[in-house]
Amino acid sequence: MSSFEFCRSFNSEAVDSISILKSIFGLGNKRALEAITVDMLEKSALLYKCNY
């Protein structure tokens, strides 16, 4: 899991006043997150490593 880039599939949990204001007013960058499917999880489990 050390090579898995969490930021590609999950948003940050950090919260500050600027990010709250940006989310309220719809400002900031809206990057698309990559989906993680059950199939991807199954293949990773069978290979004992994450290829995504």
PDB file of N, CA and C in Angstrom:
ATOM      1  N   MET A   1       0.813  -1.198   0.000  1.00  0.00           N
ATOM      2  CA  MET A   1       0.000   0.000   0.000  1.00  0.00           C
ATOM      3  C   MET A   1       0.856   1.261   0.000  1.00  0.00           C
ATOM      4  N   SER A   2       2.138   1.127   0.183  1.00  0.00           N
ATOM      5  CA  SER A   2       2.985   2.320   0.247  1.00  0.00           C
ATOM      6  C   SER A   2       3.049   3.056  -1.092  1.00  0.00           C
ATOM      7  N   SER A   3       2.790   2.359  -2.186  1.00  0.00           N
ATOM      8  CA  SER A   3       2.837   3.011  -3.492  1.00  0.00           C
ATOM      9  C   SER A   3       1.472   3.559  -3.929  1.00  0.00           C
ATOM     10  N   PHE A   4       0.422   3.266  -3.162  1.00  0.00           N
ATOM     11  CA  PHE A   4      -0.916   3.725  -3.516  1.00  0.00           C
ATOM     12  C   PHE A   4      -1.044   5.218  -3.232  1.00  0.00           C
ATOM     13  N   GLU A   5      -1.501   5.969  -4.208  1.00  0.00           N
ATOM     14  CA  GLU A   5      -1.668   7.413  -4.064  1.00  0.00           C
ATOM     15  C   GLU A   5      -3.118   7.711  -3.656  1.00  0.00           C
ATOM     16  N   PHE A   6      -3.339   7.870  -2.358  1.00  0.00           N
ATOM     17  CA  PHE A   6      -4.678   8.076  -1.826  1.00  0.00           C
ATOM     18  C   PHE A   6      -5.346   9.324  -2.386  1.00  0.00           C
ATOM     19  N   CYS A   7      -4.571  10.364  -2.670  1.00  0.00           N
ATOM     20  CA  CYS A   7      -5.148  11.620  -3.141  1.00  0.00           C
ATOM     21  C   CYS A   7      -5.792  11.490  -4.520  1.00  0.00           C
ATOM     22  N   ARG A   8      -5.480  10.428  -5.270  1.00  0.00           N
ATOM     23  CA  ARG A   8      -6.105  10.231  -6.579  1.00  0.00           C
ATOM     24  C   ARG A   8      -7.551   9.747  -6.460  1.00  0.00           C
ATOM     25  N   SER A   9      -7.891   9.099  -5.344  1.00  0.00           N
ATOM     26  CA  SER A   9      -9.223   8.514  -5.192  1.00  0.00           C
ATOM     27  C   SER A   9     -10.016   9.062  -4.012  1.00  0.00           C
ATOM     28  N   PHE A  10      -9.357   9.798  -3.111  1.00  0.00           N
ATOM     29  CA  PHE A  10     -10.027  10.311  -1.922  1.00  0.00           C
ATOM     30  C   PHE A  10      -9.693  11.780  -1.717  1.00  0.00           C
ATOM     31  N   ASN A  11     -10.647  12.546  -1.214  1.00  0.00           N
ATOM     32  CA  ASN A  11     -10.413  13.936  -0.858  1.00  0.00           C
ATOM     33  C   ASN A  11      -9.659  14.003   0.460  1.00  0.00           C
ATOM     34  N   SER A  12      -9.012  15.109   0.680  1.00  0.00           N
ATOM     35  CA  SER A  12      -8.291  15.333   1.919  1.00  0.00           C
ATOM     36  C   SER A  12      -9.277  15.498   3.073  1.00  0.00           C
ATOM     37  N   GLU A  13      -8.902  15.053   4.250  1.00  0.00           N
ATOM     38  CA  GLU A  13      -9.745  15.219   5.429  1.00  0.00           C
ATOM     39  C   GLU A  13      -9.440  16.507   6.162  1.00  0.00           C
ATOM     40  N   ALA A  14      -8.417  17.212   5.728  1.00  0.00           N
ATOM     41  CA  ALA A  14      -8.046  18.473   6.375  1.00  0.00           C
ATOM     42  C   ALA A  14      -9.127  19.523   6.127  1.00  0.00           C
ATOM     43  N   VAL A  15      -9.474  20.238   7.187  1.00  0.00           N
ATOM     44  CA  VAL A  15     -10.498  21.276   7.086  1.00  0.00           C
ATOM     45  C   VAL A  15      -9.937  22.560   7.675  1.00  0.00           C
ATOM     46  N   ASP A  16     -10.043  23.620   6.906  1.00  0.00           N
ATOM     47  CA  ASP A  16      -9.687  24.933   7.409  1.00  0.00           C
ATOM     48  C   ASP A  16     -10.739  25.931   6.957  1.00  0.00           C
ATOM     49  N   SER A  17     -10.681  27.138   7.448  1.00  0.00           N
ATOM     50  CA  SER A  17     -11.728  28.117   7.149  1.00  0.00           C
ATOM     51  C   SER A  17     -11.778  28.468   5.668  1.00  0.00           C
ATOM     52  N   ILE A  18     -10.645  28.500   5.001  1.00  0.00           N
ATOM     53  CA  ILE A  18     -10.617  28.831   3.571  1.00  0.00           C
ATOM     54  C   ILE A  18     -11.302  27.733   2.757  1.00  0.00           C
ATOM     55  N   SER A  19     -11.021  26.473   3.042  1.00  0.00           N
ATOM     56  CA  SER A  19     -11.643  25.387   2.285  1.00  0.00           C
ATOM     57  C   SER A  19     -13.146  25.322   2.540  1.00  0.00           C
ATOM     58  N   ILE A  20     -13.579  25.653   3.742  1.00  0.00           N
ATOM     59  CA  ILE A  20     -15.016  25.696   4.040  1.00  0.00           C
ATOM     60  C   ILE A  20     -15.692  26.780   3.215  1.00  0.00           C
ATOM     61  N   LEU A  21     -15.105  27.966   3.159  1.00  0.00           N
ATOM     62  CA  LEU A  21     -15.676  29.061   2.370  1.00  0.00           C
ATOM     63  C   LEU A  21     -15.694  28.716   0.880  1.00  0.00           C
ATOM     64  N   LYS A  22     -14.630  28.087   0.401  1.00  0.00           N
ATOM     65  CA  LYS A  22     -14.587  27.694  -1.010  1.00  0.00           C
ATOM     66  C   LYS A  22     -15.682  26.695  -1.328  1.00  0.00           C
ATOM     67  N   SER A  23     -15.937  25.752  -0.433  1.00  0.00           N
ATOM     68  CA  SER A  23     -16.978  24.760  -0.704  1.00  0.00           C
ATOM     69  C   SER A  23     -18.372  25.380  -0.634  1.00  0.00           C
ATOM     70  N   ILE A  24     -18.577  26.337   0.247  1.00  0.00           N
ATOM     71  CA  ILE A  24     -19.882  27.003   0.358  1.00  0.00           C
ATOM     72  C   ILE A  24     -20.189  27.800  -0.906  1.00  0.00           C
ATOM     73  N   PHE A  25     -19.193  28.517  -1.407  1.00  0.00           N
ATOM     74  CA  PHE A  25     -19.406  29.381  -2.570  1.00  0.00           C
ATOM     75  C   PHE A  25     -19.056  28.712  -3.896  1.00  0.00           C
ATOM     76  N   GLY A  26     -18.687  27.451  -3.864  1.00  0.00           N
ATOM     77  CA  GLY A  26     -18.402  26.713  -5.101  1.00  0.00           C
ATOM     78  C   GLY A  26     -17.122  27.140  -5.778  1.00  0.00           C
ATOM     79  N   LEU A  27     -16.176  27.630  -5.024  1.00  0.00           N
ATOM     80  CA  LEU A  27     -14.900  28.064  -5.585  1.00  0.00           C
ATOM     81  C   LEU A  27     -13.868  26.956  -5.428  1.00  0.00           C
ATOM     82  N   GLY A  28     -12.728  27.166  -6.014  1.00  0.00           N
ATOM     83  CA  GLY A  28     -11.658  26.182  -5.890  1.00  0.00           C
ATOM     84  C   GLY A  28     -11.666  25.199  -7.039  1.00  0.00           C
ATOM     85  N   ASN A  29     -10.635  24.395  -7.073  1.00  0.00           N
ATOM     86  CA  ASN A  29     -10.524  23.425  -8.167  1.00  0.00           C
ATOM     87  C   ASN A  29     -11.383  22.198  -7.874  1.00  0.00           C
ATOM     88  N   LYS A  30     -12.075  21.754  -8.862  1.00  0.00           N
ATOM     89  CA  LYS A  30     -12.931  20.571  -8.759  1.00  0.00           C
ATOM     90  C   LYS A  30     -12.288  19.461  -9.565  1.00  0.00           C
ATOM     91  N   ARG A  31     -11.371  18.751  -8.957  1.00  0.00           N
ATOM     92  CA  ARG A  31     -10.701  17.686  -9.693  1.00  0.00           C
ATOM     93  C   ARG A  31     -11.518  16.401  -9.570  1.00  0.00           C
ATOM     94  N   ALA A  32     -11.531  15.674 -10.628  1.00  0.00           N
ATOM     95  CA  ALA A  32     -12.261  14.412 -10.638  1.00  0.00           C
ATOM     96  C   ALA A  32     -11.441  13.346  -9.913  1.00  0.00           C
ATOM     97  N   LEU A  33     -12.109  12.590  -9.083  1.00  0.00           N
ATOM     98  CA  LEU A  33     -11.448  11.509  -8.364  1.00  0.00           C
ATOM     99  C   LEU A  33     -11.595  10.215  -9.154  1.00  0.00           C
ATOM    100  N   GLU A  34     -10.556   9.407  -9.103  1.00  0.00           N
ATOM    101  CA  GLU A  34     -10.591   8.122  -9.799  1.00  0.00           C
ATOM    102  C   GLU A  34     -11.370   7.113  -8.958  1.00  0.00           C
ATOM    103  N   ALA A  35     -12.217   6.372  -9.613  1.00  0.00           N
ATOM    104  CA  ALA A  35     -13.034   5.371  -8.916  1.00  0.00           C
ATOM    105  C   ALA A  35     -12.203   4.147  -8.551  1.00  0.00           C
ATOM    106  N   ILE A  36     -12.548   3.550  -7.427  1.00  0.00           N
ATOM    107  CA  ILE A  36     -11.974   2.268  -7.026  1.00  0.00           C
ATOM    108  C   ILE A  36     -13.121   1.274  -7.046  1.00  0.00           C
ATOM    109  N   THR A  37     -13.011   0.266  -7.877  1.00  0.00           N
ATOM    110  CA  THR A  37     -14.089  -0.704  -8.019  1.00  0.00           C
ATOM    111  C   THR A  37     -13.800  -1.967  -7.209  1.00  0.00           C
ATOM    112  N   VAL A  38     -14.822  -2.745  -6.991  1.00  0.00           N
ATOM    113  CA  VAL A  38     -14.670  -4.016  -6.287  1.00  0.00           C
ATOM    114  C   VAL A  38     -13.739  -4.935  -7.075  1.00  0.00           C
ATOM    115  N   ASP A  39     -13.830  -4.893  -8.383  1.00  0.00           N
ATOM    116  CA  ASP A  39     -12.953  -5.703  -9.234  1.00  0.00           C
ATOM    117  C   ASP A  39     -11.490  -5.326  -9.017  1.00  0.00           C
ATOM    118  N   MET A  40     -11.207  -4.043  -8.918  1.00  0.00           N
ATOM    119  CA  MET A  40      -9.845  -3.582  -8.680  1.00  0.00           C
ATOM    120  C   MET A  40      -9.342  -4.075  -7.321  1.00  0.00           C
ATOM    121  N   LEU A  41     -10.201  -4.017  -6.311  1.00  0.00           N
ATOM    122  CA  LEU A  41      -9.826  -4.489  -4.975  1.00  0.00           C
ATOM    123  C   LEU A  41      -9.566  -5.991  -4.967  1.00  0.00           C
ATOM    124  N   GLU A  42     -10.409  -6.729  -5.695  1.00  0.00           N
ATOM    125  CA  GLU A  42     -10.246  -8.184  -5.761  1.00  0.00           C
ATOM    126  C   GLU A  42      -8.925  -8.558  -6.424  1.00  0.00           C
ATOM    127  N   LYS A  43      -8.629  -7.916  -7.558  1.00  0.00           N
ATOM    128  CA  LYS A  43      -7.383  -8.213  -8.267  1.00  0.00           C
ATOM    129  C   LYS A  43      -6.170  -7.866  -7.417  1.00  0.00           C
ATOM    130  N   SER A  44      -6.236  -6.744  -6.705  1.00  0.00           N
ATOM    131  CA  SER A  44      -5.127  -6.354  -5.836  1.00  0.00           C
ATOM    132  C   SER A  44      -4.934  -7.353  -4.711  1.00  0.00           C
ATOM    133  N   ALA A  45      -6.035  -7.842  -4.142  1.00  0.00           N
ATOM    134  CA  ALA A  45      -5.950  -8.821  -3.060  1.00  0.00           C
ATOM    135  C   ALA A  45      -5.336 -10.130  -3.551  1.00  0.00           C
ATOM    136  N   LEU A  46      -5.712 -10.552  -4.744  1.00  0.00           N
ATOM    137  CA  LEU A  46      -5.177 -11.800  -5.288  1.00  0.00           C
ATOM    138  C   LEU A  46      -3.693 -11.693  -5.629  1.00  0.00           C
ATOM    139  N   LEU A  47      -3.261 -10.498  -6.034  1.00  0.00           N
ATOM    140  CA  LEU A  47      -1.852 -10.289  -6.385  1.00  0.00           C
ATOM    141  C   LEU A  47      -1.002  -9.870  -5.184  1.00  0.00           C
ATOM    142  N   TYR A  48      -1.643  -9.617  -4.045  1.00  0.00           N
ATOM    143  CA  TYR A  48      -0.952  -9.132  -2.841  1.00  0.00           C
ATOM    144  C   TYR A  48      -0.256  -7.807  -3.051  1.00  0.00           C
ATOM    145  N   LYS A  49      -0.730  -6.996  -3.997  1.00  0.00           N
ATOM    146  CA  LYS A  49      -0.183  -5.662  -4.189  1.00  0.00           C
ATOM    147  C   LYS A  49      -1.206  -4.817  -4.952  1.00  0.00           C
ATOM    148  N   CYS A  50      -1.052  -3.510  -4.829  1.00  0.00           N
ATOM    149  CA  CYS A  50      -1.962  -2.583  -5.490  1.00  0.00           C
ATOM    150  C   CYS A  50      -1.336  -2.126  -6.807  1.00  0.00           C
ATOM    151  N   ASN A  51      -2.030  -2.354  -7.900  1.00  0.00           N
ATOM    152  CA  ASN A  51      -1.534  -1.945  -9.219  1.00  0.00           C
ATOM    153  C   ASN A  51      -2.154  -0.649  -9.695  1.00  0.00           C
ATOM    154  N   TYR A  52      -2.845   0.051  -8.827  1.00  0.00           N
ATOM    155  CA  TYR A  52      -3.581   1.257  -9.257  1.00  0.00           C
ATOM    156  C   TYR A  52      -3.082   2.491  -8.601  1.00  0.00           C
TER     157      TYR A  52
END
